[in-house]
Amino acid sequence: MQRWMCKGKIHRATVTEARLDYVGSITIDTLLMRQANIQPYEMVQITSLRNATRWKTYAIPAPEGSGKICLNGPPAHLFAPGDIVIILSMGMYNEEELASLKPSVVFVDGANQVTSVEHHDLVILRQDAELEA
């Protein structure tokens, strides 16, 4: 069986730009991408804390340390500079791969500079375990 899992997250990033006249995507500071385990052209999900808008697109790298978070193309109608967003990277994993999955959560400040990174060990819930009352 394959499971759709969160493998990385950039928590509470600030949108720095929204450019309608662009083919599409989200431009993300390369350092943030690396810390959240996001590769160039990988699909990501962006969720706005302002209005609960959710958008899926591919990530392209911005200069490292720039703090850039830019929504390009159609999502420029939905996200504005100053919006706080959560960016998730996800992947499909089989049961054997889950044992080595260590999702990362990247925390940033108001300028999208990394303040800390947490790496979580995944606790696999056994399907055959009995529930305790």
N, C-alpha and C. Protein backbone atom coordinates (compact mmCIF):
# COMPACT_ATOMS: atom_id res chain seq x y z
N MET A 1 0.84 -1.17 0.00
CA MET A 1 0.00 0.00 0.00
C MET A 1 0.90 1.25 0.00
N GLN A 2 0.46 2.27 -0.71
CA GLN A 2 1.13 3.56 -0.73
C GLN A 2 0.36 4.52 0.18
N ARG A 3 1.11 5.37 0.89
CA ARG A 3 0.50 6.39 1.75
C ARG A 3 1.00 7.76 1.33
N TRP A 4 0.09 8.74 1.29
CA TRP A 4 0.39 10.12 0.94
C TRP A 4 0.80 10.81 2.23
N MET A 5 2.07 11.21 2.35
CA MET A 5 2.61 11.69 3.62
C MET A 5 3.21 13.09 3.46
N CYS A 6 3.18 13.85 4.53
CA CYS A 6 3.87 15.12 4.59
C CYS A 6 5.34 14.82 4.91
N LYS A 7 6.24 15.28 4.05
CA LYS A 7 7.67 15.04 4.28
C LYS A 7 8.40 16.29 4.71
N GLY A 8 7.77 17.46 4.50
CA GLY A 8 8.41 18.70 4.90
C GLY A 8 7.39 19.83 4.95
N LYS A 9 7.70 20.84 5.79
CA LYS A 9 6.77 21.94 5.97
C LYS A 9 7.57 23.21 6.28
N ILE A 10 7.18 24.31 5.64
CA ILE A 10 7.68 25.63 6.00
C ILE A 10 6.52 26.29 6.73
N HIS A 11 6.72 26.57 8.01
CA HIS A 11 5.63 27.01 8.88
C HIS A 11 5.61 28.52 9.03
N ARG A 12 4.48 29.12 8.64
CA ARG A 12 4.21 30.54 8.81
C ARG A 12 5.21 31.44 8.08
N ALA A 13 5.43 31.12 6.80
CA ALA A 13 6.25 31.99 5.96
C ALA A 13 5.43 33.20 5.54
N THR A 14 6.10 34.29 5.25
CA THR A 14 5.44 35.52 4.81
C THR A 14 5.60 35.67 3.30
N VAL A 15 4.49 35.84 2.61
CA VAL A 15 4.54 36.07 1.16
C VAL A 15 5.23 37.43 0.93
N THR A 16 6.26 37.42 0.09
CA THR A 16 6.99 38.66 -0.20
C THR A 16 6.56 39.29 -1.52
N GLU A 17 6.03 38.47 -2.44
CA GLU A 17 5.60 38.97 -3.74
C GLU A 17 4.47 38.12 -4.28
N ALA A 18 3.68 38.71 -5.17
CA ALA A 18 2.67 37.98 -5.94
C ALA A 18 2.71 38.57 -7.34
N ARG A 19 3.15 37.75 -8.32
CA ARG A 19 3.36 38.23 -9.69
C ARG A 19 2.39 37.54 -10.64
N LEU A 20 1.37 38.24 -11.06
CA LEU A 20 0.37 37.68 -11.95
C LEU A 20 0.96 37.35 -13.32
N ASP A 21 1.80 38.21 -13.84
CA ASP A 21 2.35 38.03 -15.19
C ASP A 21 3.54 37.08 -15.19
N TYR A 22 3.26 35.83 -14.88
CA TYR A 22 4.28 34.80 -14.84
C TYR A 22 3.58 33.49 -15.18
N VAL A 23 4.32 32.55 -15.71
CA VAL A 23 3.74 31.29 -16.16
C VAL A 23 3.04 30.54 -15.02
N GLY A 24 3.56 30.59 -13.83
CA GLY A 24 2.97 29.90 -12.69
C GLY A 24 4.03 29.32 -11.80
N SER A 25 3.69 29.00 -10.58
CA SER A 25 4.57 28.36 -9.60
C SER A 25 4.68 29.21 -8.34
N ILE A 26 5.52 28.73 -7.42
CA ILE A 26 5.90 29.50 -6.24
C ILE A 26 7.42 29.53 -6.19
N THR A 27 7.96 30.71 -6.00
CA THR A 27 9.40 30.88 -5.87
C THR A 27 9.72 30.91 -4.38
N ILE A 28 10.64 30.03 -3.96
CA ILE A 28 10.96 29.87 -2.54
C ILE A 28 12.48 29.97 -2.35
N ASP A 29 12.90 30.69 -1.33
CA ASP A 29 14.31 30.77 -0.94
C ASP A 29 14.90 29.36 -0.94
N THR A 30 16.03 29.18 -1.62
CA THR A 30 16.67 27.86 -1.74
C THR A 30 16.99 27.24 -0.39
N LEU A 31 17.40 28.03 0.57
CA LEU A 31 17.70 27.49 1.89
C LEU A 31 16.44 26.88 2.52
N LEU A 32 15.31 27.56 2.39
CA LEU A 32 14.06 27.03 2.93
C LEU A 32 13.68 25.74 2.21
N MET A 33 13.86 25.71 0.90
CA MET A 33 13.56 24.50 0.14
C MET A 33 14.41 23.33 0.64
N ARG A 34 15.69 23.57 0.79
CA ARG A 34 16.60 22.51 1.24
C ARG A 34 16.19 22.01 2.63
N GLN A 35 15.92 22.93 3.55
CA GLN A 35 15.58 22.54 4.92
C GLN A 35 14.25 21.77 4.98
N ALA A 36 13.31 22.09 4.09
CA ALA A 36 12.00 21.42 4.07
C ALA A 36 11.95 20.23 3.13
N ASN A 37 13.11 19.86 2.56
CA ASN A 37 13.19 18.70 1.66
C ASN A 37 12.31 18.89 0.42
N ILE A 38 12.39 20.09 -0.18
CA ILE A 38 11.66 20.40 -1.41
C ILE A 38 12.67 20.54 -2.54
N GLN A 39 12.45 19.81 -3.62
CA GLN A 39 13.32 19.89 -4.79
C GLN A 39 12.74 20.86 -5.82
N PRO A 40 13.59 21.46 -6.66
CA PRO A 40 13.07 22.31 -7.73
C PRO A 40 12.06 21.54 -8.60
N TYR A 41 10.96 22.17 -8.91
CA TYR A 41 9.86 21.65 -9.73
C TYR A 41 9.03 20.58 -9.02
N GLU A 42 9.27 20.38 -7.74
CA GLU A 42 8.43 19.48 -6.96
C GLU A 42 7.10 20.17 -6.66
N MET A 43 6.02 19.40 -6.67
CA MET A 43 4.70 19.93 -6.34
C MET A 43 4.62 20.19 -4.84
N VAL A 44 4.06 21.35 -4.48
CA VAL A 44 3.86 21.72 -3.09
C VAL A 44 2.44 22.26 -2.92
N GLN A 45 2.00 22.30 -1.69
CA GLN A 45 0.71 22.89 -1.35
C GLN A 45 0.95 24.10 -0.48
N ILE A 46 0.30 25.22 -0.82
CA ILE A 46 0.41 26.46 -0.06
C ILE A 46 -0.96 26.76 0.52
N THR A 47 -1.02 27.04 1.83
CA THR A 47 -2.28 27.38 2.49
C THR A 47 -2.13 28.73 3.17
N SER A 48 -3.10 29.61 2.93
CA SER A 48 -3.11 30.94 3.51
C SER A 48 -3.77 30.92 4.88
N LEU A 49 -3.11 31.52 5.86
CA LEU A 49 -3.73 31.66 7.17
C LEU A 49 -4.74 32.79 7.18
N ARG A 50 -4.68 33.69 6.21
CA ARG A 50 -5.61 34.83 6.14
C ARG A 50 -7.00 34.39 5.71
N ASN A 51 -7.07 33.54 4.67
CA ASN A 51 -8.38 33.22 4.10
C ASN A 51 -8.59 31.72 3.82
N ALA A 52 -7.69 30.88 4.29
CA ALA A 52 -7.79 29.43 4.14
C ALA A 52 -7.68 28.95 2.69
N THR A 53 -7.26 29.83 1.79
CA THR A 53 -7.03 29.41 0.41
C THR A 53 -5.94 28.36 0.37
N ARG A 54 -6.15 27.34 -0.46
CA ARG A 54 -5.16 26.28 -0.64
C ARG A 54 -4.84 26.19 -2.13
N TRP A 55 -3.56 26.15 -2.46
CA TRP A 55 -3.14 26.10 -3.86
C TRP A 55 -2.03 25.08 -3.99
N LYS A 56 -2.03 24.33 -5.09
CA LYS A 56 -0.95 23.39 -5.39
C LYS A 56 -0.25 23.84 -6.65
N THR A 57 1.06 23.85 -6.60
CA THR A 57 1.88 24.24 -7.74
C THR A 57 3.28 23.68 -7.54
N TYR A 58 4.18 24.01 -8.44
CA TYR A 58 5.55 23.52 -8.31
C TYR A 58 6.45 24.62 -7.77
N ALA A 59 7.51 24.20 -7.08
CA ALA A 59 8.45 25.13 -6.46
C ALA A 59 9.63 25.40 -7.38
N ILE A 60 10.04 26.67 -7.43
CA ILE A 60 11.27 27.02 -8.11
C ILE A 60 12.15 27.79 -7.12
N PRO A 61 13.46 27.58 -7.20
CA PRO A 61 14.34 28.18 -6.20
C PRO A 61 14.61 29.66 -6.42
N ALA A 62 14.64 30.39 -5.30
CA ALA A 62 15.08 31.79 -5.27
C ALA A 62 16.48 31.81 -4.65
N PRO A 63 17.19 32.90 -4.78
CA PRO A 63 18.53 32.95 -4.18
C PRO A 63 18.51 32.61 -2.69
N GLU A 64 19.51 31.83 -2.30
CA GLU A 64 19.61 31.40 -0.91
C GLU A 64 19.78 32.60 0.02
N GLY A 65 19.00 32.61 1.09
CA GLY A 65 19.06 33.68 2.07
C GLY A 65 18.22 34.89 1.72
N SER A 66 17.56 34.86 0.56
CA SER A 66 16.76 36.01 0.11
C SER A 66 15.46 36.17 0.89
N GLY A 67 14.97 35.07 1.47
CA GLY A 67 13.68 35.10 2.17
C GLY A 67 12.50 35.19 1.22
N LYS A 68 12.74 35.02 -0.06
CA LYS A 68 11.68 35.20 -1.06
C LYS A 68 10.66 34.08 -1.02
N ILE A 69 9.40 34.49 -0.97
CA ILE A 69 8.24 33.60 -1.14
C ILE A 69 7.32 34.35 -2.09
N CYS A 70 7.31 33.94 -3.35
CA CYS A 70 6.56 34.66 -4.38
C CYS A 70 5.59 33.72 -5.08
N LEU A 71 4.31 34.06 -5.02
CA LEU A 71 3.28 33.32 -5.75
C LEU A 71 3.20 33.89 -7.16
N ASN A 72 3.36 33.04 -8.15
CA ASN A 72 3.42 33.46 -9.56
C ASN A 72 2.19 32.97 -10.31
N GLY A 73 1.74 33.76 -11.25
CA GLY A 73 0.62 33.36 -12.09
C GLY A 73 -0.71 33.44 -11.36
N PRO A 74 -1.64 32.52 -11.65
CA PRO A 74 -2.99 32.59 -11.10
C PRO A 74 -3.08 32.76 -9.58
N PRO A 75 -2.22 32.11 -8.78
CA PRO A 75 -2.39 32.30 -7.33
C PRO A 75 -2.09 33.71 -6.85
N ALA A 76 -1.54 34.55 -7.73
CA ALA A 76 -1.32 35.95 -7.36
C ALA A 76 -2.65 36.65 -7.08
N HIS A 77 -3.75 36.08 -7.58
CA HIS A 77 -5.08 36.62 -7.27
C HIS A 77 -5.53 36.24 -5.85
N LEU A 78 -4.93 35.19 -5.29
CA LEU A 78 -5.40 34.63 -4.03
C LEU A 78 -4.49 34.93 -2.85
N PHE A 79 -3.21 35.20 -3.11
CA PHE A 79 -2.23 35.45 -2.06
C PHE A 79 -1.62 36.82 -2.31
N ALA A 80 -1.36 37.56 -1.24
CA ALA A 80 -0.82 38.92 -1.36
C ALA A 80 0.41 39.06 -0.46
N PRO A 81 1.32 39.97 -0.82
CA PRO A 81 2.46 40.23 0.06
C PRO A 81 1.98 40.52 1.48
N GLY A 82 2.66 39.92 2.44
CA GLY A 82 2.28 40.07 3.84
C GLY A 82 1.45 38.90 4.36
N ASP A 83 0.82 38.14 3.46
CA ASP A 83 0.05 36.97 3.90
C ASP A 83 0.99 35.95 4.56
N ILE A 84 0.49 35.29 5.58
CA ILE A 84 1.22 34.21 6.24
C ILE A 84 0.71 32.90 5.65
N VAL A 85 1.67 32.03 5.25
CA VAL A 85 1.31 30.78 4.60
C VAL A 85 2.05 29.61 5.22
N ILE A 86 1.48 28.44 4.99
CA ILE A 86 2.13 27.18 5.31
C ILE A 86 2.38 26.47 3.99
N ILE A 87 3.61 26.02 3.79
CA ILE A 87 3.98 25.34 2.55
C ILE A 87 4.32 23.90 2.91
N LEU A 88 3.59 22.96 2.29
CA LEU A 88 3.80 21.54 2.54
C LEU A 88 4.38 20.84 1.33
N SER A 89 5.34 19.95 1.58
CA SER A 89 5.80 19.05 0.53
C SER A 89 5.38 17.65 0.94
N MET A 90 4.88 16.90 -0.03
CA MET A 90 4.32 15.59 0.26
C MET A 90 4.89 14.55 -0.69
N GLY A 91 4.78 13.32 -0.31
CA GLY A 91 5.24 12.24 -1.16
C GLY A 91 4.49 10.96 -0.87
N MET A 92 4.58 10.05 -1.82
CA MET A 92 3.97 8.74 -1.68
C MET A 92 5.04 7.77 -1.15
N TYR A 93 4.66 7.03 -0.11
CA TYR A 93 5.61 6.12 0.53
C TYR A 93 4.96 4.76 0.71
N ASN A 94 5.75 3.70 0.48
CA ASN A 94 5.24 2.37 0.81
C ASN A 94 5.59 2.07 2.27
N GLU A 95 5.08 0.98 2.78
CA GLU A 95 5.24 0.65 4.20
C GLU A 95 6.72 0.56 4.61
N GLU A 96 7.56 0.03 3.74
CA GLU A 96 8.98 -0.09 4.07
C GLU A 96 9.65 1.29 4.13
N GLU A 97 9.27 2.20 3.24
CA GLU A 97 9.87 3.53 3.21
C GLU A 97 9.47 4.38 4.41
N LEU A 98 8.29 4.10 4.97
CA LEU A 98 7.83 4.87 6.12
C LEU A 98 8.78 4.76 7.31
N ALA A 99 9.46 3.63 7.43
CA ALA A 99 10.36 3.42 8.56
C ALA A 99 11.49 4.45 8.59
N SER A 100 11.88 4.98 7.43
CA SER A 100 13.00 5.94 7.40
C SER A 100 12.53 7.38 7.16
N LEU A 101 11.23 7.61 7.07
CA LEU A 101 10.72 8.96 6.84
C LEU A 101 10.89 9.80 8.10
N LYS A 102 11.50 10.98 7.94
CA LYS A 102 11.69 11.93 9.05
C LYS A 102 11.23 13.30 8.57
N PRO A 103 9.93 13.58 8.68
CA PRO A 103 9.42 14.87 8.22
C PRO A 103 10.12 16.03 8.93
N SER A 104 10.34 17.11 8.17
CA SER A 104 10.99 18.31 8.69
C SER A 104 9.98 19.44 8.77
N VAL A 105 10.06 20.22 9.85
CA VAL A 105 9.26 21.43 9.99
C VAL A 105 10.24 22.58 10.14
N VAL A 106 10.15 23.53 9.19
CA VAL A 106 11.05 24.68 9.17
C VAL A 106 10.29 25.88 9.73
N PHE A 107 10.80 26.45 10.80
CA PHE A 107 10.20 27.64 11.40
C PHE A 107 10.99 28.86 10.93
N VAL A 108 10.26 29.92 10.57
CA VAL A 108 10.90 31.12 10.06
C VAL A 108 10.41 32.35 10.83
N ASP A 109 11.19 33.43 10.72
CA ASP A 109 10.76 34.69 11.32
C ASP A 109 10.00 35.50 10.28
N GLY A 110 9.68 36.76 10.57
CA GLY A 110 8.90 37.60 9.67
C GLY A 110 9.59 37.93 8.36
N ALA A 111 10.92 37.72 8.30
CA ALA A 111 11.68 37.95 7.07
C ALA A 111 12.00 36.64 6.36
N ASN A 112 11.33 35.56 6.77
CA ASN A 112 11.52 34.23 6.20
C ASN A 112 12.95 33.70 6.36
N GLN A 113 13.56 34.05 7.48
CA GLN A 113 14.86 33.48 7.82
C GLN A 113 14.64 32.35 8.81
N VAL A 114 15.35 31.26 8.64
CA VAL A 114 15.16 30.08 9.48
C VAL A 114 15.50 30.40 10.94
N THR A 115 14.55 30.09 11.82
CA THR A 115 14.80 30.23 13.25
C THR A 115 15.09 28.88 13.89
N SER A 116 14.48 27.82 13.35
CA SER A 116 14.76 26.47 13.82
C SER A 116 14.18 25.46 12.83
N VAL A 117 14.69 24.25 12.93
CA VAL A 117 14.19 23.14 12.10
C VAL A 117 14.01 21.94 13.01
N GLU A 118 12.84 21.34 12.94
CA GLU A 118 12.58 20.11 13.69
C GLU A 118 12.50 18.95 12.71
N HIS A 119 13.13 17.84 13.08
CA HIS A 119 13.05 16.60 12.30
C HIS A 119 12.31 15.59 13.19
N HIS A 120 11.22 15.08 12.69
CA HIS A 120 10.37 14.21 13.50
C HIS A 120 10.53 12.76 13.09
N ASP A 121 10.71 11.90 14.09
CA ASP A 121 10.69 10.46 13.85
C ASP A 121 9.23 10.06 13.71
N LEU A 122 8.95 9.28 12.70
CA LEU A 122 7.59 8.84 12.46
C LEU A 122 7.29 7.63 13.34
N VAL A 123 6.21 7.70 14.07
CA VAL A 123 5.76 6.57 14.89
C VAL A 123 4.69 5.85 14.09
N ILE A 124 4.98 4.64 13.69
CA ILE A 124 4.05 3.85 12.88
C ILE A 124 3.00 3.22 13.80
N LEU A 125 1.75 3.49 13.51
CA LEU A 125 0.65 2.88 14.27
C LEU A 125 0.33 1.53 13.64
N ARG A 126 0.42 0.51 14.43
CA ARG A 126 0.13 -0.84 13.92
C ARG A 126 -1.36 -1.02 13.74
N GLN A 127 -1.73 -1.59 12.61
CA GLN A 127 -3.14 -1.81 12.30
C GLN A 127 -3.74 -2.92 13.17
N ASP A 128 -2.92 -3.85 13.63
CA ASP A 128 -3.44 -4.99 14.38
C ASP A 128 -3.38 -4.77 15.89
N ALA A 129 -2.92 -3.61 16.32
CA ALA A 129 -2.85 -3.33 17.76
C ALA A 129 -4.25 -3.14 18.33
N GLU A 130 -4.48 -3.66 19.51
CA GLU A 130 -5.78 -3.51 20.15
C GLU A 130 -5.85 -2.15 20.83
N LEU A 131 -7.00 -1.53 20.75
CA LEU A 131 -7.20 -0.25 21.41
C LEU A 131 -7.39 -0.45 22.90
N GLU A 132 -6.75 0.39 23.68
CA GLU A 132 -6.91 0.33 25.14
C GLU A 132 -7.98 1.31 25.55
N ALA A 133 -8.81 0.91 26.49
CA ALA A 133 -9.89 1.78 26.98
C ALA A 133 -9.39 2.81 27.95
